Each structure stands twice: as C-alpha cells, then as structure tokens.
C-alpha cells in the first residue's frame, strides 16, 4: 500500500478558509464603528451653525476670495454682494459626522458677471478648531479644479 503525502491544504480548502476570513472581517468592520449622532459623542458637537445668509459667512467668503484673486491669481476680481441664498442640505453626510450646512448663492463680482457660489459651513473647522469654518467654490473660477467639475464637490 502506498501512502500519499499531502503538500498542504487543497486549493478548495484554501478558498473556503479565505472566504470565511473575509466575511468575518467584513462583519467585524461594519460593527466596529458605532453610529452615534455627533451631538451625543464623548466630545460632542452642538450642531449649531450660522445660517446660509449670515453676514459673517459672507465676510469670510469675500475676504478669502479677495486674498486668492489678489495675491495668487492677480485678477483684481472682488465679490460685491450675494443674492438668492438657499440652503441645500444640513448634515447630509450622516448624523454621526461633523455637522455641515450646505448652501448656494448668486455672487455679484466687479466684472459685472453673476456667478453661482457653492459653500458649506462646518462646525469647529475654523482656525485651530474654534468656531465655524467655511469651504466655498465660485463656479467658473475654480482654476485648480479643487471642487471639479464646476464646483460639484462643494455641494452635498
């Protein structure tokens, strides 16, 4: 009688073991992150953000737009005012993420061309984590495509 020497597990056994480990890892990964609303965390967010039409929000957008256009692009463009302000989302990423308010407005520039501005107001994303932060994009002036295409990535 001839004994057969095994060279390890068969390919079928290896595939079954791999599939079981992968399924267990996926189940563990899904259960690893608790879905706790941001306002009920150990270090909670309060969820209180300025409104889309708050003058402080517009001042930040205007000031940063001026800095970018004057110092980097050297165009001389300025935002003169905003109109048709709309909120398009609040906490649309989920209840357990940093609270964000998504807005759009029509901006009037000194080149007499109205442009759509998409912006989000974010809690504790101001300078070194204090106050609110604002991320914004002016349609047609996103020259480095940071929010491409056409400021879509600045919206929910």
N, C-alpha and C. Protein backbone atom coordinates (compact mmCIF):
# COMPACT_ATOMS: atom_id res chain seq x y z
N UNK A 1 0.83 -1.16 0.00
CA UNK A 1 0.00 0.00 0.00
C UNK A 1 0.89 1.25 0.00
N UNK A 2 0.54 2.23 -0.81
CA UNK A 2 1.34 3.44 -0.97
C UNK A 2 0.63 4.58 -0.26
N UNK A 3 1.36 5.23 0.64
CA UNK A 3 0.80 6.39 1.32
C UNK A 3 1.03 7.63 0.48
N UNK A 4 0.04 8.44 0.47
CA UNK A 4 0.15 9.69 -0.28
C UNK A 4 0.54 10.80 0.68
N UNK A 5 1.53 11.58 0.34
CA UNK A 5 1.99 12.67 1.19
C UNK A 5 1.29 13.95 0.74
N UNK A 6 0.70 14.63 1.70
CA UNK A 6 -0.02 15.87 1.39
C UNK A 6 0.95 17.04 1.39
N UNK A 7 0.81 17.90 0.44
CA UNK A 7 1.64 19.10 0.33
C UNK A 7 0.90 20.33 0.85
N UNK A 8 0.07 20.18 1.85
CA UNK A 8 -0.68 21.30 2.40
C UNK A 8 -2.14 21.21 2.02
N UNK A 9 -2.91 22.20 2.38
CA UNK A 9 -4.34 22.17 2.10
C UNK A 9 -4.60 22.30 0.60
N UNK A 10 -5.69 21.72 0.18
CA UNK A 10 -6.04 21.79 -1.24
C UNK A 10 -6.49 23.21 -1.58
N UNK A 11 -6.57 23.49 -2.85
CA UNK A 11 -6.99 24.82 -3.29
C UNK A 11 -8.42 25.11 -2.86
N UNK A 12 -9.26 24.08 -2.84
CA UNK A 12 -10.64 24.26 -2.44
C UNK A 12 -10.72 24.66 -0.97
N UNK A 13 -9.97 23.98 -0.12
CA UNK A 13 -9.97 24.32 1.30
C UNK A 13 -9.43 25.72 1.53
N UNK A 14 -8.39 26.10 0.82
CA UNK A 14 -7.81 27.43 0.96
C UNK A 14 -8.82 28.51 0.58
N UNK A 15 -9.56 28.29 -0.51
CA UNK A 15 -10.55 29.26 -0.96
C UNK A 15 -11.67 29.40 0.07
N UNK A 16 -12.09 28.28 0.65
CA UNK A 16 -13.16 28.33 1.65
C UNK A 16 -12.70 29.06 2.90
N UNK A 17 -11.47 28.80 3.33
CA UNK A 17 -10.93 29.48 4.52
C UNK A 17 -10.80 30.97 4.25
N UNK A 18 -10.30 31.34 3.08
CA UNK A 18 -10.13 32.75 2.70
C UNK A 18 -11.48 33.46 2.69
N UNK A 19 -12.51 32.83 2.12
CA UNK A 19 -13.84 33.43 2.06
C UNK A 19 -14.41 33.62 3.47
N UNK A 20 -14.19 32.65 4.35
CA UNK A 20 -14.70 32.76 5.72
C UNK A 20 -14.01 33.89 6.47
N UNK A 21 -12.69 34.01 6.32
CA UNK A 21 -11.95 35.09 6.98
C UNK A 21 -12.38 36.45 6.45
N UNK A 22 -12.59 36.53 5.14
CA UNK A 22 -13.02 37.79 4.53
C UNK A 22 -14.40 38.19 5.03
N UNK A 23 -15.32 37.23 5.12
CA UNK A 23 -16.67 37.52 5.61
C UNK A 23 -16.64 37.94 7.08
N UNK A 24 -15.82 37.29 7.89
CA UNK A 24 -15.71 37.66 9.29
C UNK A 24 -15.12 39.06 9.44
N UNK A 25 -14.13 39.39 8.62
CA UNK A 25 -13.53 40.72 8.66
C UNK A 25 -14.52 41.80 8.26
N UNK A 26 -15.35 41.51 7.25
CA UNK A 26 -16.35 42.49 6.82
C UNK A 26 -17.39 42.70 7.91
N UNK A 27 -17.81 41.61 8.56
CA UNK A 27 -18.79 41.74 9.64
C UNK A 27 -18.21 42.51 10.81
N UNK A 28 -16.95 42.26 11.15
CA UNK A 28 -16.30 42.98 12.24
C UNK A 28 -16.14 44.45 11.89
N UNK A 29 -15.75 44.76 10.63
CA UNK A 29 -15.56 46.14 10.21
C UNK A 29 -16.84 46.94 10.25
N UNK A 30 -17.95 46.31 9.90
CA UNK A 30 -19.23 47.01 9.93
C UNK A 30 -19.66 47.30 11.36
N UNK A 31 -19.33 46.41 12.28
CA UNK A 31 -19.74 46.60 13.66
C UNK A 31 -18.74 47.43 14.46
N UNK A 32 -17.57 47.70 13.92
CA UNK A 32 -16.51 48.36 14.66
C UNK A 32 -16.79 49.84 14.89
N UNK A 33 -17.54 50.49 14.02
CA UNK A 33 -17.77 51.93 14.12
C UNK A 33 -19.20 52.19 14.57
N UNK A 34 -19.38 52.67 15.79
CA UNK A 34 -20.74 52.94 16.26
C UNK A 34 -21.31 54.17 15.56
N UNK A 35 -22.58 54.12 15.25
CA UNK A 35 -23.25 55.24 14.61
C UNK A 35 -23.93 56.07 15.69
N UNK A 36 -23.16 56.94 16.29
CA UNK A 36 -23.64 57.81 17.37
C UNK A 36 -23.78 59.22 16.79
N UNK A 37 -24.95 59.84 16.95
CA UNK A 37 -25.07 61.21 16.46
C UNK A 37 -23.97 62.10 17.02
N UNK A 38 -23.50 63.02 16.23
CA UNK A 38 -22.37 63.88 16.60
C UNK A 38 -22.64 64.66 17.88
N UNK A 39 -23.90 64.97 18.15
CA UNK A 39 -24.24 65.74 19.34
C UNK A 39 -24.19 64.90 20.62
N UNK A 40 -24.10 63.56 20.51
CA UNK A 40 -24.09 62.70 21.69
C UNK A 40 -22.75 61.99 21.88
N UNK A 41 -21.69 62.44 21.25
CA UNK A 41 -20.38 61.83 21.41
C UNK A 41 -19.76 62.23 22.75
N UNK A 42 -18.65 61.56 23.08
CA UNK A 42 -17.92 61.88 24.31
C UNK A 42 -17.48 63.34 24.29
N UNK A 43 -16.94 63.78 23.18
CA UNK A 43 -16.65 65.20 22.96
C UNK A 43 -17.64 65.63 21.88
N UNK A 44 -18.81 66.15 22.28
CA UNK A 44 -19.90 66.35 21.32
C UNK A 44 -19.76 67.63 20.50
N UNK A 45 -20.43 67.59 19.35
CA UNK A 45 -20.67 68.79 18.56
C UNK A 45 -22.03 69.31 19.00
N UNK A 46 -22.23 70.62 18.92
CA UNK A 46 -23.53 71.12 19.34
C UNK A 46 -24.51 71.24 18.18
N UNK A 47 -24.03 71.18 16.94
CA UNK A 47 -24.91 71.23 15.79
C UNK A 47 -25.46 72.60 15.48
N UNK A 48 -24.98 73.63 16.19
CA UNK A 48 -25.46 74.99 15.96
C UNK A 48 -24.49 75.67 14.99
N UNK A 49 -25.01 76.00 13.83
CA UNK A 49 -24.21 76.64 12.78
C UNK A 49 -24.88 77.92 12.32
N UNK A 50 -24.11 78.87 11.82
CA UNK A 50 -24.74 80.08 11.26
C UNK A 50 -25.63 79.73 10.07
N UNK A 51 -26.60 80.57 9.83
CA UNK A 51 -27.47 80.40 8.67
C UNK A 51 -26.70 80.68 7.39
N UNK A 52 -27.24 80.22 6.28
CA UNK A 52 -26.58 80.42 4.99
C UNK A 52 -26.38 81.91 4.67
N UNK A 53 -27.31 82.75 5.10
CA UNK A 53 -27.23 84.17 4.79
C UNK A 53 -26.58 85.01 5.88
N UNK A 54 -25.91 84.39 6.81
CA UNK A 54 -25.27 85.11 7.91
C UNK A 54 -24.16 86.02 7.35
N UNK A 55 -24.12 87.29 7.75
CA UNK A 55 -23.09 88.21 7.25
C UNK A 55 -21.66 87.73 7.55
N UNK A 56 -21.44 87.05 8.68
CA UNK A 56 -20.09 86.56 9.00
C UNK A 56 -19.62 85.52 7.99
N UNK A 57 -20.54 84.71 7.49
CA UNK A 57 -20.19 83.71 6.47
C UNK A 57 -19.78 84.43 5.18
N UNK A 58 -20.57 85.42 4.77
CA UNK A 58 -20.26 86.16 3.54
C UNK A 58 -18.95 86.94 3.67
N UNK A 59 -18.68 87.48 4.86
CA UNK A 59 -17.41 88.19 5.07
C UNK A 59 -16.22 87.27 4.88
N UNK A 60 -16.33 86.03 5.37
CA UNK A 60 -15.22 85.08 5.19
C UNK A 60 -15.03 84.73 3.72
N UNK A 61 -16.13 84.48 3.03
CA UNK A 61 -16.01 84.14 1.60
C UNK A 61 -15.42 85.31 0.84
N UNK A 62 -15.93 86.52 1.06
CA UNK A 62 -15.42 87.69 0.35
C UNK A 62 -13.95 87.93 0.66
N UNK A 63 -13.57 87.84 1.93
CA UNK A 63 -12.18 88.09 2.30
C UNK A 63 -11.22 87.07 1.71
N UNK A 64 -11.59 85.81 1.77
CA UNK A 64 -10.70 84.78 1.22
C UNK A 64 -10.67 84.81 -0.30
N UNK A 65 -11.82 85.15 -0.92
CA UNK A 65 -11.84 85.30 -2.37
C UNK A 65 -10.92 86.45 -2.78
N UNK A 66 -10.99 87.57 -2.06
CA UNK A 66 -10.11 88.70 -2.35
C UNK A 66 -8.64 88.30 -2.23
N UNK A 67 -8.30 87.61 -1.13
CA UNK A 67 -6.91 87.19 -0.93
C UNK A 67 -6.42 86.30 -2.07
N UNK A 68 -7.25 85.34 -2.45
CA UNK A 68 -6.85 84.41 -3.51
C UNK A 68 -6.69 85.13 -4.85
N UNK A 69 -7.65 85.96 -5.19
CA UNK A 69 -7.61 86.63 -6.51
C UNK A 69 -6.53 87.71 -6.58
N UNK A 70 -6.30 88.41 -5.48
CA UNK A 70 -5.30 89.49 -5.48
C UNK A 70 -3.88 88.95 -5.36
N UNK A 71 -3.67 87.99 -4.47
CA UNK A 71 -2.31 87.53 -4.20
C UNK A 71 -1.86 86.38 -5.07
N UNK A 72 -2.77 85.50 -5.46
CA UNK A 72 -2.35 84.32 -6.21
C UNK A 72 -2.62 84.45 -7.70
N UNK A 73 -3.87 84.76 -8.07
CA UNK A 73 -4.22 84.82 -9.48
C UNK A 73 -4.01 86.22 -10.08
N UNK A 74 -3.94 87.25 -9.25
CA UNK A 74 -3.69 88.62 -9.70
C UNK A 74 -4.71 89.08 -10.75
N UNK A 75 -6.01 88.85 -10.44
CA UNK A 75 -7.06 89.22 -11.39
C UNK A 75 -7.76 90.52 -11.02
N UNK A 76 -7.72 90.89 -9.75
CA UNK A 76 -8.43 92.08 -9.31
C UNK A 76 -9.92 91.85 -9.10
N UNK A 77 -10.39 90.62 -9.20
CA UNK A 77 -11.81 90.34 -9.00
C UNK A 77 -12.18 90.47 -7.53
N UNK A 78 -13.37 90.99 -7.29
CA UNK A 78 -13.90 91.16 -5.94
C UNK A 78 -15.36 90.71 -5.96
N UNK A 79 -15.82 90.13 -4.87
CA UNK A 79 -17.24 89.84 -4.71
C UNK A 79 -17.87 91.06 -4.06
N UNK A 80 -18.86 91.63 -4.75
CA UNK A 80 -19.53 92.84 -4.26
C UNK A 80 -20.72 92.53 -3.38
N UNK A 81 -21.40 91.41 -3.64
CA UNK A 81 -22.57 91.06 -2.84
C UNK A 81 -23.11 89.70 -3.21
N UNK A 82 -24.11 89.27 -2.42
CA UNK A 82 -24.73 87.96 -2.62
C UNK A 82 -26.24 88.12 -2.70
N UNK A 83 -26.87 87.22 -3.43
CA UNK A 83 -28.31 87.24 -3.59
C UNK A 83 -28.80 85.81 -3.82
N UNK A 84 -30.07 85.59 -3.66
CA UNK A 84 -30.70 84.30 -3.92
C UNK A 84 -30.03 83.18 -3.12
N UNK A 85 -29.92 83.39 -1.82
CA UNK A 85 -29.25 82.44 -0.92
C UNK A 85 -30.20 81.29 -0.61
N UNK A 86 -29.71 80.05 -0.73
CA UNK A 86 -30.53 78.86 -0.46
C UNK A 86 -29.73 77.84 0.32
N UNK A 87 -30.38 77.22 1.30
CA UNK A 87 -29.79 76.07 1.97
C UNK A 87 -30.16 74.83 1.16
N UNK A 88 -29.17 74.01 0.82
CA UNK A 88 -29.44 72.82 0.02
C UNK A 88 -29.19 71.53 0.79
N UNK A 89 -28.73 71.65 2.04
CA UNK A 89 -28.54 70.45 2.85
C UNK A 89 -28.01 70.78 4.22
N UNK A 90 -28.39 69.93 5.19
CA UNK A 90 -27.87 70.05 6.55
C UNK A 90 -27.61 68.65 7.06
N UNK A 91 -26.36 68.37 7.44
CA UNK A 91 -25.95 67.05 7.92
C UNK A 91 -26.31 65.96 6.91
N UNK A 92 -26.14 66.23 5.64
CA UNK A 92 -26.49 65.26 4.61
C UNK A 92 -25.48 64.12 4.51
N UNK A 93 -24.31 64.25 5.13
CA UNK A 93 -23.33 63.16 5.13
C UNK A 93 -23.70 62.08 6.13
N UNK A 94 -24.56 62.38 7.08
CA UNK A 94 -24.97 61.43 8.11
C UNK A 94 -24.99 62.09 9.47
N UNK A 95 -25.77 61.52 10.37
CA UNK A 95 -25.92 62.08 11.71
C UNK A 95 -24.66 61.98 12.55
N UNK A 96 -23.75 61.07 12.20
CA UNK A 96 -22.57 60.84 13.04
C UNK A 96 -21.33 61.57 12.54
N UNK A 97 -21.45 62.41 11.53
CA UNK A 97 -20.32 63.17 11.00
C UNK A 97 -20.35 64.61 11.52
N UNK A 98 -19.28 65.34 11.28
CA UNK A 98 -19.21 66.75 11.68
C UNK A 98 -20.39 67.49 11.04
N UNK A 99 -21.16 68.23 11.83
CA UNK A 99 -22.30 68.97 11.27
C UNK A 99 -21.85 69.98 10.22
N UNK A 100 -22.52 69.94 9.07
CA UNK A 100 -22.25 70.85 7.95
C UNK A 100 -23.57 71.34 7.37
N UNK A 101 -23.59 72.61 7.02
CA UNK A 101 -24.74 73.20 6.33
C UNK A 101 -24.27 73.56 4.92
N UNK A 102 -24.95 73.05 3.91
CA UNK A 102 -24.59 73.30 2.52
C UNK A 102 -25.51 74.36 1.94
N UNK A 103 -24.92 75.31 1.21
CA UNK A 103 -25.68 76.44 0.70
C UNK A 103 -25.22 76.80 -0.72
N UNK A 104 -26.07 77.54 -1.41
CA UNK A 104 -25.69 78.15 -2.68
C UNK A 104 -26.18 79.59 -2.66
N UNK A 105 -25.54 80.43 -3.44
CA UNK A 105 -25.95 81.82 -3.58
C UNK A 105 -25.44 82.33 -4.92
N UNK A 106 -26.02 83.42 -5.36
CA UNK A 106 -25.52 84.10 -6.56
C UNK A 106 -24.63 85.25 -6.07
N UNK A 107 -23.40 85.24 -6.54
CA UNK A 107 -22.45 86.30 -6.17
C UNK A 107 -22.32 87.29 -7.31
N UNK A 108 -22.28 88.57 -6.97
CA UNK A 108 -22.06 89.61 -7.97
C UNK A 108 -20.64 90.11 -7.83
N UNK A 109 -19.90 90.03 -8.93
CA UNK A 109 -18.50 90.41 -8.93
C UNK A 109 -18.31 91.75 -9.63
N UNK A 110 -17.13 92.33 -9.45
CA UNK A 110 -16.86 93.63 -10.05
C UNK A 110 -16.65 93.56 -11.57
N UNK A 111 -16.64 92.36 -12.15
CA UNK A 111 -16.59 92.25 -13.61
C UNK A 111 -18.00 92.19 -14.20
N UNK A 112 -19.01 92.45 -13.36
CA UNK A 112 -20.43 92.51 -13.73
C UNK A 112 -20.98 91.18 -14.21
N UNK A 113 -20.38 90.07 -13.81
CA UNK A 113 -20.88 88.74 -14.16
C UNK A 113 -21.34 88.05 -12.88
N UNK A 114 -22.62 87.74 -12.79
CA UNK A 114 -23.07 86.96 -11.62
C UNK A 114 -22.58 85.52 -11.75
N UNK A 115 -22.16 84.95 -10.64
CA UNK A 115 -21.67 83.57 -10.63
C UNK A 115 -22.27 82.84 -9.45
N UNK A 116 -22.49 81.55 -9.63
CA UNK A 116 -23.01 80.70 -8.56
C UNK A 116 -21.88 80.36 -7.58
N UNK A 117 -22.16 80.49 -6.29
CA UNK A 117 -21.22 80.13 -5.24
C UNK A 117 -21.82 78.97 -4.46
N UNK A 118 -21.08 77.89 -4.34
CA UNK A 118 -21.47 76.76 -3.50
C UNK A 118 -20.57 76.79 -2.28
N UNK A 119 -21.16 76.66 -1.09
CA UNK A 119 -20.33 76.72 0.11
C UNK A 119 -20.94 75.85 1.21
N UNK A 120 -20.08 75.44 2.13
CA UNK A 120 -20.54 74.70 3.30
C UNK A 120 -20.01 75.40 4.54
N UNK A 121 -20.85 75.40 5.56
CA UNK A 121 -20.49 75.96 6.86
C UNK A 121 -20.29 74.76 7.78
N UNK A 122 -19.11 74.65 8.37
CA UNK A 122 -18.71 73.45 9.10
C UNK A 122 -18.40 73.78 10.55
N UNK A 123 -18.90 72.95 11.45
CA UNK A 123 -18.67 73.19 12.88
C UNK A 123 -17.23 72.85 13.27
N UNK A 124 -16.66 73.64 14.15
CA UNK A 124 -15.30 73.52 14.71
C UNK A 124 -14.21 73.34 13.67
N UNK A 125 -14.40 73.83 12.47
CA UNK A 125 -13.36 73.75 11.46
C UNK A 125 -12.81 75.13 11.13
N UNK A 126 -12.93 76.03 12.09
CA UNK A 126 -12.32 77.35 11.95
C UNK A 126 -10.84 77.25 12.29
N UNK A 127 -10.22 78.37 12.51
CA UNK A 127 -8.79 78.40 12.83
C UNK A 127 -8.55 77.60 14.11
N UNK A 128 -7.65 76.67 14.06
CA UNK A 128 -7.26 75.72 15.11
C UNK A 128 -8.45 75.12 15.86
N UNK A 129 -9.53 74.87 15.14
CA UNK A 129 -10.66 74.15 15.70
C UNK A 129 -11.66 74.97 16.48
N UNK A 130 -11.56 76.28 16.42
CA UNK A 130 -12.52 77.13 17.14
C UNK A 130 -13.46 77.78 16.15
N UNK A 131 -14.73 77.81 16.50
CA UNK A 131 -15.72 78.46 15.65
C UNK A 131 -16.07 77.63 14.43
N UNK A 132 -16.73 78.26 13.52
CA UNK A 132 -17.15 77.57 12.31
C UNK A 132 -16.16 77.84 11.18
N UNK A 133 -16.13 76.93 10.23
CA UNK A 133 -15.30 77.09 9.04
C UNK A 133 -16.19 77.17 7.82
N UNK A 134 -15.68 77.75 6.75
CA UNK A 134 -16.43 77.86 5.50
C UNK A 134 -15.55 77.36 4.36
N UNK A 135 -16.08 76.41 3.60
CA UNK A 135 -15.44 75.98 2.36
C UNK A 135 -16.32 76.48 1.23
N UNK A 136 -15.73 77.04 0.19
CA UNK A 136 -16.52 77.66 -0.85
C UNK A 136 -15.89 77.44 -2.21
N UNK A 137 -16.72 77.61 -3.24
CA UNK A 137 -16.25 77.50 -4.62
C UNK A 137 -17.12 78.41 -5.48
N UNK A 138 -16.49 79.22 -6.30
CA UNK A 138 -17.19 80.10 -7.23
C UNK A 138 -17.15 79.45 -8.61
N UNK A 139 -18.33 79.16 -9.16
CA UNK A 139 -18.42 78.48 -10.45
C UNK A 139 -17.72 79.31 -11.53
N UNK A 140 -16.91 78.64 -12.31
CA UNK A 140 -16.16 79.29 -13.37
C UNK A 140 -14.83 79.85 -12.93
N UNK A 141 -14.57 79.88 -11.62
CA UNK A 141 -13.31 80.42 -11.10
C UNK A 141 -12.56 79.41 -10.24
N UNK A 142 -12.88 78.12 -10.39
CA UNK A 142 -12.17 77.06 -9.69
C UNK A 142 -11.03 76.61 -10.61
N UNK A 143 -10.04 77.46 -10.72
CA UNK A 143 -8.97 77.27 -11.72
C UNK A 143 -8.10 76.04 -11.48
N UNK A 144 -7.95 75.63 -10.24
CA UNK A 144 -7.12 74.45 -9.97
C UNK A 144 -7.98 73.20 -9.81
N UNK A 145 -9.26 73.28 -10.16
CA UNK A 145 -10.20 72.16 -10.13
C UNK A 145 -10.27 71.47 -8.78
N UNK A 146 -10.16 72.21 -7.70
CA UNK A 146 -10.24 71.64 -6.36
C UNK A 146 -11.63 71.07 -6.09
N UNK A 147 -12.67 71.65 -6.67
CA UNK A 147 -14.03 71.19 -6.46
C UNK A 147 -14.67 70.78 -7.79
N UNK A 148 -13.85 70.32 -8.73
CA UNK A 148 -14.32 69.95 -10.07
C UNK A 148 -15.29 68.79 -9.99
N UNK A 149 -16.17 68.67 -10.97
CA UNK A 149 -16.42 69.57 -12.09
C UNK A 149 -17.39 70.70 -11.71
N UNK A 150 -17.05 71.88 -12.07
CA UNK A 150 -17.88 73.08 -11.89
C UNK A 150 -18.46 73.20 -10.48
N UNK A 151 -17.59 73.05 -9.48
CA UNK A 151 -17.92 73.20 -8.06
C UNK A 151 -18.88 72.14 -7.52
N UNK A 152 -19.06 71.05 -8.21
CA UNK A 152 -19.96 69.98 -7.76
C UNK A 152 -19.52 69.38 -6.43
N UNK A 153 -18.22 69.28 -6.20
CA UNK A 153 -17.73 68.64 -4.98
C UNK A 153 -17.88 69.54 -3.74
N UNK A 154 -18.31 70.77 -3.91
CA UNK A 154 -18.57 71.65 -2.77
C UNK A 154 -20.02 71.51 -2.30
N UNK A 155 -20.80 70.74 -3.02
CA UNK A 155 -22.21 70.53 -2.67
C UNK A 155 -22.38 69.11 -2.10
N UNK A 156 -23.52 68.87 -1.43
CA UNK A 156 -23.74 67.52 -0.86
C UNK A 156 -23.92 66.47 -1.94
